[in-house]
All heavy atoms as atom14 arrays in JSON, in Angstrom:
{
  "sequence": "VEIELFEKYNLYRRDKTLGEPLYFAPCFTADSDKTTGISYLSKVL",
  "atom14_mask": [
    [1, 1, 1, 1, 1, 1, 1, 0, 0, 0, 0, 0, 0, 0],
    [1, 1, 1, 1, 1, 1, 1, 1, 1, 0, 0, 0, 0, 0],
    [1, 1, 1, 1, 1, 1, 1, 1, 0, 0, 0, 0, 0, 0],
    [1, 1, 1, 1, 1, 1, 1, 1, 1, 0, 0, 0, 0, 0],
    [1, 1, 1, 1, 1, 1, 1, 1, 0, 0, 0, 0, 0, 0],
    [1, 1, 1, 1, 1, 1, 1, 1, 1, 1, 1, 0, 0, 0],
    [1, 1, 1, 1, 1, 1, 1, 1, 1, 0, 0, 0, 0, 0],
    [1, 1, 1, 1, 1, 1, 1, 1, 1, 0, 0, 0, 0, 0],
    [1, 1, 1, 1, 1, 1, 1, 1, 1, 1, 1, 1, 0, 0],
    [1, 1, 1, 1, 1, 1, 1, 1, 0, 0, 0, 0, 0, 0],
    [1, 1, 1, 1, 1, 1, 1, 1, 0, 0, 0, 0, 0, 0],
    [1, 1, 1, 1, 1, 1, 1, 1, 1, 1, 1, 1, 0, 0],
    [1, 1, 1, 1, 1, 1, 1, 1, 1, 1, 1, 0, 0, 0],
    [1, 1, 1, 1, 1, 1, 1, 1, 1, 1, 1, 0, 0, 0],
    [1, 1, 1, 1, 1, 1, 1, 1, 0, 0, 0, 0, 0, 0],
    [1, 1, 1, 1, 1, 1, 1, 1, 1, 0, 0, 0, 0, 0],
    [1, 1, 1, 1, 1, 1, 1, 0, 0, 0, 0, 0, 0, 0],
    [1, 1, 1, 1, 1, 1, 1, 1, 0, 0, 0, 0, 0, 0],
    [1, 1, 1, 1, 0, 0, 0, 0, 0, 0, 0, 0, 0, 0],
    [1, 1, 1, 1, 1, 1, 1, 1, 1, 0, 0, 0, 0, 0],
    [1, 1, 1, 1, 1, 1, 1, 0, 0, 0, 0, 0, 0, 0],
    [1, 1, 1, 1, 1, 1, 1, 1, 0, 0, 0, 0, 0, 0],
    [1, 1, 1, 1, 1, 1, 1, 1, 1, 1, 1, 1, 0, 0],
    [1, 1, 1, 1, 1, 1, 1, 1, 1, 1, 1, 0, 0, 0],
    [1, 1, 1, 1, 1, 0, 0, 0, 0, 0, 0, 0, 0, 0],
    [1, 1, 1, 1, 1, 1, 1, 0, 0, 0, 0, 0, 0, 0],
    [1, 1, 1, 1, 1, 1, 0, 0, 0, 0, 0, 0, 0, 0],
    [1, 1, 1, 1, 1, 1, 1, 1, 1, 1, 1, 0, 0, 0],
    [1, 1, 1, 1, 1, 1, 1, 0, 0, 0, 0, 0, 0, 0],
    [1, 1, 1, 1, 1, 0, 0, 0, 0, 0, 0, 0, 0, 0],
    [1, 1, 1, 1, 1, 1, 1, 1, 0, 0, 0, 0, 0, 0],
    [1, 1, 1, 1, 1, 1, 0, 0, 0, 0, 0, 0, 0, 0],
    [1, 1, 1, 1, 1, 1, 1, 1, 0, 0, 0, 0, 0, 0],
    [1, 1, 1, 1, 1, 1, 1, 1, 1, 0, 0, 0, 0, 0],
    [1, 1, 1, 1, 1, 1, 1, 0, 0, 0, 0, 0, 0, 0],
    [1, 1, 1, 1, 1, 1, 1, 0, 0, 0, 0, 0, 0, 0],
    [1, 1, 1, 1, 0, 0, 0, 0, 0, 0, 0, 0, 0, 0],
    [1, 1, 1, 1, 1, 1, 1, 1, 0, 0, 0, 0, 0, 0],
    [1, 1, 1, 1, 1, 1, 0, 0, 0, 0, 0, 0, 0, 0],
    [1, 1, 1, 1, 1, 1, 1, 1, 1, 1, 1, 1, 0, 0],
    [1, 1, 1, 1, 1, 1, 1, 1, 0, 0, 0, 0, 0, 0],
    [1, 1, 1, 1, 1, 1, 0, 0, 0, 0, 0, 0, 0, 0],
    [1, 1, 1, 1, 1, 1, 1, 1, 1, 0, 0, 0, 0, 0],
    [1, 1, 1, 1, 1, 1, 1, 0, 0, 0, 0, 0, 0, 0],
    [1, 1, 1, 1, 1, 1, 1, 1, 0, 0, 0, 0, 0, 0]
  ],
  "atom14_positions": [
    [[2.0, 3.53, 19.17], [3.37, 3.21, 19.5], [4.26, 3.74, 18.41], [5.33, 4.32, 18.67], [3.61, 1.7, 19.71], [5.07, 1.39, 19.89], [2.83, 1.22, 20.95], [0.0, 0.0, 0.0], [0.0, 0.0, 0.0], [0.0, 0.0, 0.0], [0.0, 0.0, 0.0], [0.0, 0.0, 0.0], [0.0, 0.0, 0.0], [0.0, 0.0, 0.0]],
    [[3.88, 3.55, 17.15], [4.75, 4.05, 16.05], [4.87, 5.58, 16.1], [5.97, 6.09, 15.91], [4.07, 3.7, 14.69], [4.11, 2.2, 14.34], [3.38, 1.91, 13.06], [2.55, 2.73, 12.62], [3.59, 0.84, 12.54], [0.0, 0.0, 0.0], [0.0, 0.0, 0.0], [0.0, 0.0, 0.0], [0.0, 0.0, 0.0], [0.0, 0.0, 0.0]],
    [[3.73, 6.23, 16.44], [3.78, 7.7, 16.55], [4.66, 8.15, 17.73], [5.45, 9.08, 17.57], [2.35, 8.25, 16.67], [1.58, 8.03, 15.39], [2.35, 9.76, 17.02], [0.12, 8.27, 15.48], [0.0, 0.0, 0.0], [0.0, 0.0, 0.0], [0.0, 0.0, 0.0], [0.0, 0.0, 0.0], [0.0, 0.0, 0.0], [0.0, 0.0, 0.0]],
    [[4.56, 7.46, 18.82], [5.4, 7.76, 19.98], [6.9, 7.57, 19.64], [7.73, 8.43, 20.04], [5.04, 6.91, 21.18], [5.85, 7.17, 22.42], [5.53, 6.3, 23.62], [4.76, 5.34, 23.46], [6.09, 6.58, 24.68], [0.0, 0.0, 0.0], [0.0, 0.0, 0.0], [0.0, 0.0, 0.0], [0.0, 0.0, 0.0], [0.0, 0.0, 0.0]],
    [[7.22, 6.48, 18.96], [8.57, 6.22, 18.6], [9.13, 7.38, 17.74], [10.26, 7.81, 17.95], [8.72, 4.93, 17.81], [8.66, 3.65, 18.68], [8.68, 2.38, 17.76], [9.81, 3.52, 19.66], [0.0, 0.0, 0.0], [0.0, 0.0, 0.0], [0.0, 0.0, 0.0], [0.0, 0.0, 0.0], [0.0, 0.0, 0.0], [0.0, 0.0, 0.0]],
    [[8.31, 7.85, 16.83], [8.76, 8.95, 15.91], [8.87, 10.25, 16.73], [9.86, 10.92, 16.69], [7.88, 9.14, 14.72], [8.19, 10.3, 13.88], [9.3, 10.25, 13.08], [7.47, 11.53, 13.98], [9.7, 11.38, 12.34], [7.83, 12.59, 13.26], [8.95, 12.55, 12.39], [0.0, 0.0, 0.0], [0.0, 0.0, 0.0], [0.0, 0.0, 0.0]],
    [[7.81, 10.63, 17.37], [7.76, 11.98, 18.0], [8.66, 12.08, 19.24], [9.28, 13.11, 19.45], [6.3, 12.27, 18.44], [5.4, 12.53, 17.26], [4.01, 12.97, 17.69], [3.53, 12.61, 18.79], [3.33, 13.67, 16.91], [0.0, 0.0, 0.0], [0.0, 0.0, 0.0], [0.0, 0.0, 0.0], [0.0, 0.0, 0.0], [0.0, 0.0, 0.0]],
    [[8.72, 11.06, 20.04], [9.43, 11.14, 21.32], [10.88, 10.63, 21.23], [11.77, 11.14, 21.92], [8.7, 10.3, 22.35], [8.75, 10.83, 23.75], [7.79, 10.0, 24.57], [8.06, 10.32, 26.04], [7.22, 9.53, 26.94], [0.0, 0.0, 0.0], [0.0, 0.0, 0.0], [0.0, 0.0, 0.0], [0.0, 0.0, 0.0], [0.0, 0.0, 0.0]],
    [[11.15, 9.65, 20.33], [12.42, 8.99, 20.32], [13.18, 9.14, 18.99], [14.29, 8.57, 18.87], [12.28, 7.53, 20.69], [11.63, 7.32, 22.01], [10.31, 6.93, 22.17], [12.39, 7.5, 23.19], [9.73, 6.79, 23.44], [11.83, 7.32, 24.47], [10.47, 6.99, 24.52], [9.93, 6.79, 25.76], [0.0, 0.0, 0.0], [0.0, 0.0, 0.0]],
    [[12.59, 9.79, 18.01], [13.27, 9.94, 16.67], [13.67, 8.56, 16.09], [14.75, 8.35, 15.61], [14.52, 10.82, 16.71], [14.15, 12.24, 17.06], [13.0, 12.68, 16.92], [15.12, 13.02, 17.54], [0.0, 0.0, 0.0], [0.0, 0.0, 0.0], [0.0, 0.0, 0.0], [0.0, 0.0, 0.0], [0.0, 0.0, 0.0], [0.0, 0.0, 0.0]],
    [[12.62, 7.68, 16.13], [12.86, 6.3, 15.59], [11.68, 5.92, 14.65], [10.55, 6.4, 14.87], [12.84, 5.25, 16.74], [14.04, 5.19, 17.63], [13.76, 4.26, 18.78], [15.21, 4.64, 16.86], [0.0, 0.0, 0.0], [0.0, 0.0, 0.0], [0.0, 0.0, 0.0], [0.0, 0.0, 0.0], [0.0, 0.0, 0.0], [0.0, 0.0, 0.0]],
    [[11.96, 5.12, 13.71], [10.89, 4.41, 12.93], [11.35, 2.95, 12.9], [12.48, 2.66, 12.66], [10.8, 5.02, 11.52], [9.87, 4.2, 10.66], [8.52, 4.07, 10.92], [10.38, 3.52, 9.52], [7.71, 3.35, 10.14], [9.5, 2.77, 8.72], [8.18, 2.7, 9.03], [7.33, 1.96, 8.26], [0.0, 0.0, 0.0], [0.0, 0.0, 0.0]],
    [[10.4, 2.06, 13.17], [10.7, 0.61, 13.16], [9.68, -0.11, 12.33], [8.55, 0.33, 12.17], [10.79, 0.09, 14.54], [9.48, 0.17, 15.27], [8.92, -1.15, 15.71], [7.7, -0.91, 16.48], [6.52, -1.31, 16.12], [6.3, -2.01, 15.04], [5.48, -1.08, 16.9], [0.0, 0.0, 0.0], [0.0, 0.0, 0.0], [0.0, 0.0, 0.0]],
    [[10.14, -1.2, 11.74], [9.25, -2.01, 10.88], [9.81, -3.4, 10.77], [10.88, -3.66, 11.29], [9.06, -1.33, 9.54], [10.43, -1.0, 8.9], [10.39, -0.72, 7.47], [9.74, -1.74, 6.73], [8.97, -1.54, 5.69], [8.87, -0.34, 5.16], [8.37, -2.55, 5.07], [0.0, 0.0, 0.0], [0.0, 0.0, 0.0], [0.0, 0.0, 0.0]],
    [[9.12, -4.21, 10.01], [9.65, -5.53, 9.77], [10.97, -5.43, 8.97], [11.26, -4.41, 8.4], [8.58, -6.39, 9.02], [8.16, -5.79, 7.71], [7.99, -4.56, 7.69], [7.99, -6.53, 6.72], [0.0, 0.0, 0.0], [0.0, 0.0, 0.0], [0.0, 0.0, 0.0], [0.0, 0.0, 0.0], [0.0, 0.0, 0.0], [0.0, 0.0, 0.0]],
    [[11.66, -6.54, 8.99], [13.05, -6.5, 8.38], [12.97, -6.04, 6.9], [12.13, -6.52, 6.18], [13.61, -7.92, 8.44], [14.99, -8.01, 7.91], [15.52, -9.42, 8.03], [16.9, -9.56, 7.41], [17.42, -10.93, 7.51], [0.0, 0.0, 0.0], [0.0, 0.0, 0.0], [0.0, 0.0, 0.0], [0.0, 0.0, 0.0], [0.0, 0.0, 0.0]],
    [[13.86, -5.14, 6.56], [13.89, -4.61, 5.21], [15.34, -4.27, 4.85], [16.2, -4.23, 5.7], [12.98, -3.37, 5.06], [12.94, -2.98, 3.68], [13.51, -2.19, 5.87], [0.0, 0.0, 0.0], [0.0, 0.0, 0.0], [0.0, 0.0, 0.0], [0.0, 0.0, 0.0], [0.0, 0.0, 0.0], [0.0, 0.0, 0.0], [0.0, 0.0, 0.0]],
    [[15.57, -4.04, 3.58], [16.91, -3.71, 3.08], [16.84, -2.28, 2.58], [15.84, -1.77, 2.23], [17.35, -4.65, 1.95], [17.41, -6.16, 2.33], [17.69, -6.98, 1.12], [18.49, -6.35, 3.4], [0.0, 0.0, 0.0], [0.0, 0.0, 0.0], [0.0, 0.0, 0.0], [0.0, 0.0, 0.0], [0.0, 0.0, 0.0], [0.0, 0.0, 0.0]],
    [[17.95, -1.67, 2.52], [18.1, -0.31, 1.97], [18.22, 0.74, 3.06], [17.9, 0.48, 4.22], [0.0, 0.0, 0.0], [0.0, 0.0, 0.0], [0.0, 0.0, 0.0], [0.0, 0.0, 0.0], [0.0, 0.0, 0.0], [0.0, 0.0, 0.0], [0.0, 0.0, 0.0], [0.0, 0.0, 0.0], [0.0, 0.0, 0.0], [0.0, 0.0, 0.0]],
    [[18.73, 1.85, 2.69], [18.95, 2.94, 3.62], [18.59, 4.32, 2.91], [19.4, 4.87, 2.23], [20.37, 2.96, 4.07], [20.6, 3.92, 5.21], [21.97, 3.78, 5.89], [22.48, 2.62, 5.89], [22.45, 4.74, 6.42], [0.0, 0.0, 0.0], [0.0, 0.0, 0.0], [0.0, 0.0, 0.0], [0.0, 0.0, 0.0], [0.0, 0.0, 0.0]],
    [[17.4, 4.76, 3.15], [16.99, 6.07, 2.53], [17.73, 7.21, 3.17], [18.23, 7.06, 4.29], [15.49, 6.13, 2.79], [15.33, 5.36, 4.06], [16.32, 4.24, 3.98], [0.0, 0.0, 0.0], [0.0, 0.0, 0.0], [0.0, 0.0, 0.0], [0.0, 0.0, 0.0], [0.0, 0.0, 0.0], [0.0, 0.0, 0.0], [0.0, 0.0, 0.0]],
    [[17.74, 8.29, 2.5], [18.42, 9.51, 3.08], [17.52, 10.23, 4.11], [18.0, 10.79, 5.07], [18.81, 10.45, 1.94], [19.76, 9.97, 0.92], [19.95, 10.94, -0.19], [21.12, 9.65, 1.59], [0.0, 0.0, 0.0], [0.0, 0.0, 0.0], [0.0, 0.0, 0.0], [0.0, 0.0, 0.0], [0.0, 0.0, 0.0], [0.0, 0.0, 0.0]],
    [[16.21, 10.21, 3.84], [15.25, 10.87, 4.69], [14.03, 10.01, 4.93], [13.7, 9.1, 4.16], [14.79, 12.23, 4.08], [15.91, 13.2, 4.01], [16.79, 13.29, 2.96], [16.06, 14.09, 5.08], [17.81, 14.2, 2.92], [17.1, 15.04, 5.08], [17.98, 15.06, 3.97], [18.99, 15.97, 3.95], [0.0, 0.0, 0.0], [0.0, 0.0, 0.0]],
    [[13.31, 10.33, 6.02], [12.08, 9.63, 6.34], [10.96, 10.66, 6.56], [11.17, 11.69, 7.22], [12.23, 8.81, 7.64], [10.98, 8.22, 8.18], [10.37, 7.18, 7.47], [10.36, 8.73, 9.3], [9.17, 6.61, 7.88], [9.2, 8.12, 9.79], [8.59, 7.08, 9.08], [0.0, 0.0, 0.0], [0.0, 0.0, 0.0], [0.0, 0.0, 0.0]],
    [[9.81, 10.4, 5.96], [8.62, 11.25, 6.07], [7.42, 10.5, 6.49], [6.91, 9.71, 5.69], [8.36, 11.99, 4.75], [0.0, 0.0, 0.0], [0.0, 0.0, 0.0], [0.0, 0.0, 0.0], [0.0, 0.0, 0.0], [0.0, 0.0, 0.0], [0.0, 0.0, 0.0], [0.0, 0.0, 0.0], [0.0, 0.0, 0.0], [0.0, 0.0, 0.0]],
    [[7.02, 10.59, 7.77], [5.84, 9.87, 8.23], [4.58, 10.52, 7.69], [4.44, 11.71, 7.65], [5.87, 9.95, 9.72], [6.55, 11.28, 9.96], [7.58, 11.42, 8.85], [0.0, 0.0, 0.0], [0.0, 0.0, 0.0], [0.0, 0.0, 0.0], [0.0, 0.0, 0.0], [0.0, 0.0, 0.0], [0.0, 0.0, 0.0], [0.0, 0.0, 0.0]],
    [[3.64, 9.65, 7.23], [2.35, 10.15, 6.78], [1.34, 9.73, 7.83], [1.0, 8.5, 7.96], [1.96, 9.56, 5.43], [0.43, 10.19, 4.79], [0.0, 0.0, 0.0], [0.0, 0.0, 0.0], [0.0, 0.0, 0.0], [0.0, 0.0, 0.0], [0.0, 0.0, 0.0], [0.0, 0.0, 0.0], [0.0, 0.0, 0.0], [0.0, 0.0, 0.0]],
    [[0.88, 10.67, 8.63], [-0.11, 10.3, 9.69], [-1.46, 9.99, 8.99], [-1.94, 10.7, 8.16], [-0.29, 11.49, 10.68], [1.02, 11.75, 11.45], [1.75, 12.91, 11.22], [1.45, 10.82, 12.38], [2.88, 13.12, 11.95], [2.63, 11.03, 13.07], [3.34, 12.19, 12.9], [0.0, 0.0, 0.0], [0.0, 0.0, 0.0], [0.0, 0.0, 0.0]],
    [[-2.05, 8.93, 9.5], [-3.3, 8.44, 8.91], [-4.49, 8.93, 9.68], [-4.34, 9.49, 10.77], [-3.3, 6.89, 8.88], [-3.32, 6.42, 10.28], [-2.12, 6.27, 8.14], [0.0, 0.0, 0.0], [0.0, 0.0, 0.0], [0.0, 0.0, 0.0], [0.0, 0.0, 0.0], [0.0, 0.0, 0.0], [0.0, 0.0, 0.0], [0.0, 0.0, 0.0]],
    [[-5.67, 8.73, 9.12], [-6.9, 9.13, 9.74], [-7.09, 8.33, 11.1], [-7.79, 8.79, 11.96], [-8.07, 8.91, 8.85], [0.0, 0.0, 0.0], [0.0, 0.0, 0.0], [0.0, 0.0, 0.0], [0.0, 0.0, 0.0], [0.0, 0.0, 0.0], [0.0, 0.0, 0.0], [0.0, 0.0, 0.0], [0.0, 0.0, 0.0], [0.0, 0.0, 0.0]],
    [[-6.42, 7.2, 11.26], [-6.54, 6.43, 12.49], [-5.89, 7.15, 13.67], [-6.13, 6.82, 14.8], [-5.92, 5.02, 12.3], [-6.58, 4.22, 11.26], [-7.74, 4.47, 10.95], [-5.97, 3.27, 10.77], [0.0, 0.0, 0.0], [0.0, 0.0, 0.0], [0.0, 0.0, 0.0], [0.0, 0.0, 0.0], [0.0, 0.0, 0.0], [0.0, 0.0, 0.0]],
    [[-4.93, 8.02, 13.39], [-4.18, 8.71, 14.45], [-4.99, 9.95, 14.89], [-5.96, 10.36, 14.23], [-2.82, 9.12, 13.95], [-2.87, 10.18, 13.04], [0.0, 0.0, 0.0], [0.0, 0.0, 0.0], [0.0, 0.0, 0.0], [0.0, 0.0, 0.0], [0.0, 0.0, 0.0], [0.0, 0.0, 0.0], [0.0, 0.0, 0.0], [0.0, 0.0, 0.0]],
    [[-4.53, 10.52, 15.96], [-5.17, 11.78, 16.43], [-4.37, 12.96, 15.95], [-4.55, 14.09, 16.42], [-5.29, 11.79, 17.95], [-3.93, 11.75, 18.64], [-2.89, 11.53, 17.94], [-3.87, 11.91, 19.88], [0.0, 0.0, 0.0], [0.0, 0.0, 0.0], [0.0, 0.0, 0.0], [0.0, 0.0, 0.0], [0.0, 0.0, 0.0], [0.0, 0.0, 0.0]],
    [[-3.59, 12.77, 14.92], [-2.76, 13.84, 14.31], [-3.41, 14.39, 13.04], [-4.3, 13.74, 12.47], [-1.36, 13.27, 13.93], [-0.62, 12.62, 15.05], [-0.28, 13.67, 16.05], [0.43, 13.01, 17.27], [0.57, 13.89, 18.36], [0.0, 0.0, 0.0], [0.0, 0.0, 0.0], [0.0, 0.0, 0.0], [0.0, 0.0, 0.0], [0.0, 0.0, 0.0]],
    [[-3.0, 15.49, 12.56], [-3.43, 16.02, 11.31], [-2.97, 15.06, 10.21], [-1.8, 14.72, 10.11], [-2.82, 17.41, 11.06], [-3.24, 18.26, 12.14], [-3.34, 17.98, 9.77], [0.0, 0.0, 0.0], [0.0, 0.0, 0.0], [0.0, 0.0, 0.0], [0.0, 0.0, 0.0], [0.0, 0.0, 0.0], [0.0, 0.0, 0.0], [0.0, 0.0, 0.0]],
    [[-3.89, 14.63, 9.41], [-3.64, 13.66, 8.32], [-2.69, 14.25, 7.32], [-2.79, 15.43, 6.92], [-4.95, 13.24, 7.64], [-5.84, 12.74, 8.65], [-4.72, 12.16, 6.58], [0.0, 0.0, 0.0], [0.0, 0.0, 0.0], [0.0, 0.0, 0.0], [0.0, 0.0, 0.0], [0.0, 0.0, 0.0], [0.0, 0.0, 0.0], [0.0, 0.0, 0.0]],
    [[-1.71, 13.48, 6.88], [-0.75, 13.87, 5.88], [0.71, 13.86, 6.41], [0.93, 13.37, 7.51], [0.0, 0.0, 0.0], [0.0, 0.0, 0.0], [0.0, 0.0, 0.0], [0.0, 0.0, 0.0], [0.0, 0.0, 0.0], [0.0, 0.0, 0.0], [0.0, 0.0, 0.0], [0.0, 0.0, 0.0], [0.0, 0.0, 0.0], [0.0, 0.0, 0.0]],
    [[1.56, 14.43, 5.63], [3.0, 14.46, 5.92], [3.33, 15.84, 6.51], [3.26, 16.83, 5.78], [3.85, 14.14, 4.71], [3.56, 12.78, 4.15], [5.34, 14.27, 4.99], [4.14, 12.53, 2.77], [0.0, 0.0, 0.0], [0.0, 0.0, 0.0], [0.0, 0.0, 0.0], [0.0, 0.0, 0.0], [0.0, 0.0, 0.0], [0.0, 0.0, 0.0]],
    [[3.69, 15.89, 7.75], [4.0, 17.19, 8.36], [5.49, 17.32, 8.78], [5.93, 18.35, 9.17], [3.16, 17.35, 9.61], [1.8, 17.48, 9.3], [0.0, 0.0, 0.0], [0.0, 0.0, 0.0], [0.0, 0.0, 0.0], [0.0, 0.0, 0.0], [0.0, 0.0, 0.0], [0.0, 0.0, 0.0], [0.0, 0.0, 0.0], [0.0, 0.0, 0.0]],
    [[6.23, 16.21, 8.62], [7.66, 16.23, 9.06], [8.55, 15.56, 8.04], [8.12, 14.66, 7.26], [7.75, 15.41, 10.39], [6.98, 15.93, 11.56], [5.69, 15.49, 11.82], [7.52, 16.98, 12.34], [5.0, 16.03, 12.87], [6.8, 17.45, 13.42], [5.54, 16.97, 13.66], [4.83, 17.5, 14.71], [0.0, 0.0, 0.0], [0.0, 0.0, 0.0]],
    [[9.8, 15.91, 8.07], [10.87, 15.25, 7.34], [12.05, 15.13, 8.23], [12.48, 16.13, 8.87], [11.2, 16.09, 6.11], [12.27, 15.57, 5.2], [11.77, 14.25, 4.48], [12.7, 16.52, 4.14], [0.0, 0.0, 0.0], [0.0, 0.0, 0.0], [0.0, 0.0, 0.0], [0.0, 0.0, 0.0], [0.0, 0.0, 0.0], [0.0, 0.0, 0.0]],
    [[12.63, 13.92, 8.35], [13.77, 13.69, 9.2], [14.93, 13.06, 8.39], [14.62, 12.15, 7.61], [13.45, 12.71, 10.32], [12.54, 13.23, 11.22], [0.0, 0.0, 0.0], [0.0, 0.0, 0.0], [0.0, 0.0, 0.0], [0.0, 0.0, 0.0], [0.0, 0.0, 0.0], [0.0, 0.0, 0.0], [0.0, 0.0, 0.0], [0.0, 0.0, 0.0]],
    [[16.04, 13.49, 8.64], [17.28, 12.86, 8.06], [17.48, 11.49, 8.71], [17.34, 11.39, 9.93], [18.53, 13.7, 8.27], [19.76, 13.13, 7.66], [20.87, 14.21, 7.71], [22.2, 13.73, 7.22], [22.24, 13.03, 6.01], [0.0, 0.0, 0.0], [0.0, 0.0, 0.0], [0.0, 0.0, 0.0], [0.0, 0.0, 0.0], [0.0, 0.0, 0.0]],
    [[17.71, 10.45, 7.94], [17.99, 9.14, 8.51], [19.53, 9.08, 8.79], [20.32, 9.2, 7.91], [17.61, 8.01, 7.45], [18.04, 6.66, 8.06], [16.11, 8.01, 7.2], [0.0, 0.0, 0.0], [0.0, 0.0, 0.0], [0.0, 0.0, 0.0], [0.0, 0.0, 0.0], [0.0, 0.0, 0.0], [0.0, 0.0, 0.0], [0.0, 0.0, 0.0]],
    [[19.84, 9.03, 10.02], [21.24, 9.03, 10.47], [21.83, 7.62, 10.42], [23.08, 7.43, 10.28], [21.39, 9.6, 11.9], [20.93, 11.02, 12.03], [21.04, 11.49, 13.5], [21.75, 11.96, 11.13], [0.0, 0.0, 0.0], [0.0, 0.0, 0.0], [0.0, 0.0, 0.0], [0.0, 0.0, 0.0], [0.0, 0.0, 0.0], [0.0, 0.0, 0.0]]
  ]
}
């Protein structure tokens, strides 16, 4: 679901947190069917 939110909807969601980074970089884990590591960088709008 997290991967779908990122890839299809340009979203990242998590438990309540504070702060607003300038960019977001997902690190795909070995649990996913993606290439492990950071392959993307997105500006946080």
